[in-house]
């Protein structure tokens, strides 16, 4: 398939998405039957989740907050990023990480694929998503006062 090919809705699955990443020479690994972890050198790492029941593909990743940043400052940071960037949306998410509760700066972008998915759109959005996370680090927090450096 070329990049301008349409993957029909019934053929959008984790295998077809992974094959398109491979054709675009984007390194990845399938973590389960509904998730791909993109780990291409030079791209910010992220997950691709397939949500067949709602016909959404979600691109998602996170960064850790700097340890001493108060919650209101974290919220203000998320709001500022959401006001100035179209892609992705960001929010705070509390998770249990190996028995420790942590709040992460989480970024997500949904891709709706009802009636199919253009391969070129999927690949461009994957690249743009990874670039947007790097942009957040470089432009919104260059001194790593809010988010931890990688």
Protein backbone atom coordinates (compact mmCIF):
# COMPACT_ATOMS: atom_id res chain seq x y z
CA UNK A 1 0.00 0.00 0.00
CA UNK A 2 1.20 3.52 -0.69
CA UNK A 3 0.82 6.38 1.76
CA UNK A 4 -2.28 7.71 -0.02
CA UNK A 5 -4.05 4.38 0.36
CA UNK A 6 -7.25 4.07 2.34
CA UNK A 7 -7.43 1.28 4.88
CA UNK A 8 -11.08 0.32 4.92
CA UNK A 9 -12.75 0.51 8.34
CA UNK A 10 -13.14 -3.27 8.55
CA UNK A 11 -9.38 -3.66 7.91
CA UNK A 12 -8.19 -1.18 10.55
CA UNK A 13 -6.52 -3.39 13.11
CA UNK A 14 -3.29 -3.56 15.06
CA UNK A 15 -1.60 -5.62 12.32
CA UNK A 16 -2.51 -3.23 9.50
CA UNK A 17 -1.34 -0.24 11.58
CA UNK A 18 1.94 -1.94 12.44
CA UNK A 19 2.55 -2.80 8.78
CA UNK A 20 2.07 0.85 7.81
CA UNK A 21 4.53 1.95 10.51
CA UNK A 22 7.01 -0.55 9.15
CA UNK A 23 6.56 0.69 5.58
CA UNK A 24 7.18 4.24 6.83
CA UNK A 25 10.34 2.94 8.60
CA UNK A 26 9.07 3.85 12.07
CA UNK A 27 10.37 1.45 14.73
CA UNK A 28 7.73 -0.06 17.02
CA UNK A 29 6.79 -3.10 19.03
CA UNK A 30 3.39 -4.63 19.52
CA UNK A 31 2.74 -4.84 23.26
CA UNK A 32 -0.57 -6.70 22.99
CA UNK A 33 -3.34 -7.25 20.47
CA UNK A 34 -4.64 -3.68 20.81
CA UNK A 35 -1.47 -1.65 21.52
CA UNK A 36 1.69 -0.59 19.68
CA UNK A 37 4.65 1.14 21.34
CA UNK A 38 6.47 3.48 18.94
CA UNK A 39 10.17 3.71 19.79
CA UNK A 40 11.73 5.27 16.70
CA UNK A 41 15.03 7.06 17.37
CA UNK A 42 14.46 10.80 17.05
CA UNK A 43 10.74 10.53 17.79
CA UNK A 44 9.29 10.99 21.24
CA UNK A 45 8.11 7.50 22.30
CA UNK A 46 4.36 6.92 22.46
CA UNK A 47 1.66 4.26 22.44
CA UNK A 48 -0.97 3.62 19.81
CA UNK A 49 -4.17 2.16 21.24
CA UNK A 50 -6.84 0.68 19.00
CA UNK A 51 -10.36 1.17 20.33
CA UNK A 52 -12.52 -0.76 17.90
CA UNK A 53 -15.78 -0.29 19.80
CA UNK A 54 -15.62 3.50 19.27
CA UNK A 55 -13.60 3.43 16.02
CA UNK A 56 -10.79 5.47 17.54
CA UNK A 57 -7.06 5.11 17.42
CA UNK A 58 -5.49 6.98 20.33
CA UNK A 59 -1.92 8.22 20.33
CA UNK A 60 -0.75 8.68 23.92
CA UNK A 61 2.37 9.36 25.97
CA UNK A 62 3.41 11.01 29.21
CA UNK A 63 6.13 12.94 30.98
CA UNK A 64 6.90 13.07 34.67
CA UNK A 65 6.40 16.30 36.60
CA UNK A 66 9.35 17.89 38.34
CA UNK A 67 9.08 16.77 42.00
CA UNK A 68 8.35 20.12 43.67
CA UNK A 69 5.77 21.56 41.24
CA UNK A 70 2.48 22.26 43.07
CA UNK A 71 -0.74 20.82 41.64
CA UNK A 72 -2.18 24.23 40.69
CA UNK A 73 0.97 25.06 38.73
CA UNK A 74 0.70 21.71 36.96
CA UNK A 75 -2.91 22.42 36.06
CA UNK A 76 -2.02 25.92 34.81
CA UNK A 77 0.75 24.40 32.68
CA UNK A 78 -1.69 21.90 31.12
CA UNK A 79 -4.18 24.69 30.42
CA UNK A 80 -1.49 26.85 28.77
CA UNK A 81 -0.39 23.98 26.51
CA UNK A 82 -4.01 23.20 25.56
CA UNK A 83 -4.68 26.86 24.73
CA UNK A 84 -1.65 27.19 22.47
CA UNK A 85 -1.38 23.77 20.79
CA UNK A 86 -4.01 22.08 18.68
CA UNK A 87 -2.37 18.68 18.88
CA UNK A 88 -2.31 16.93 21.33
CA UNK A 89 -4.56 17.57 24.31
CA UNK A 90 -2.82 17.28 27.66
CA UNK A 91 -4.00 16.59 31.19
CA UNK A 92 -2.91 15.31 34.58
CA UNK A 93 -3.45 11.63 35.23
CA UNK A 94 -2.90 9.78 38.47
CA UNK A 95 -1.73 6.18 38.08
CA UNK A 96 -0.41 3.37 40.23
CA UNK A 97 3.15 2.71 39.10
CA UNK A 98 4.42 -0.44 40.81
CA UNK A 99 2.71 0.38 44.09
CA UNK A 100 3.49 4.11 43.99
CA UNK A 101 0.79 6.64 43.11
CA UNK A 102 2.11 9.22 40.64
CA UNK A 103 0.50 12.05 38.72
CA UNK A 104 1.76 12.34 35.16
CA UNK A 105 1.60 14.95 32.45
CA UNK A 106 -0.30 12.94 29.85
CA UNK A 107 -0.80 13.78 26.18
CA UNK A 108 -3.35 12.15 23.91
CA UNK A 109 -4.69 12.53 20.41
CA UNK A 110 -7.63 10.54 18.99
CA UNK A 111 -7.93 9.58 15.33
CA UNK A 112 -11.43 8.67 14.23
CA UNK A 113 -11.47 6.02 11.51
CA UNK A 114 -15.12 5.49 10.67
CA UNK A 115 -15.33 4.89 6.90
CA UNK A 116 -11.60 4.08 6.85
CA UNK A 117 -8.21 5.59 7.53
CA UNK A 118 -5.86 7.23 5.06
CA UNK A 119 -2.39 5.81 5.56
CA UNK A 120 -0.81 9.22 4.91
CA UNK A 121 -3.00 10.79 7.62
CA UNK A 122 -2.09 8.09 10.14
CA UNK A 123 1.67 8.35 9.52
CA UNK A 124 1.66 12.17 9.53
CA UNK A 125 -0.34 12.29 12.76
CA UNK A 126 2.07 9.85 14.41
CA UNK A 127 5.01 12.06 13.42
CA UNK A 128 3.20 15.27 14.38
CA UNK A 129 2.22 13.83 17.76
CA UNK A 130 5.82 12.93 18.60
CA UNK A 131 6.99 16.36 17.39
CA UNK A 132 4.36 18.10 19.51
CA UNK A 133 5.68 16.47 22.68
CA UNK A 134 9.21 17.63 21.86
CA UNK A 135 7.76 21.08 21.15
CA UNK A 136 6.09 21.13 24.57
CA UNK A 137 9.43 20.39 26.20
CA UNK A 138 11.39 22.89 24.09
CA UNK A 139 8.96 25.83 24.03
CA UNK A 140 6.84 25.53 27.16
CA UNK A 141 9.46 24.29 29.62
CA UNK A 142 13.00 24.67 28.19
CA UNK A 143 14.62 24.86 31.65
CA UNK A 144 12.74 21.77 32.90
CA UNK A 145 11.17 23.67 35.77
CA UNK A 146 7.82 21.91 35.45
CA UNK A 147 8.54 18.68 33.59
CA UNK A 148 11.49 16.41 34.22
CA UNK A 149 14.16 16.21 31.55
CA UNK A 150 14.38 12.91 29.73
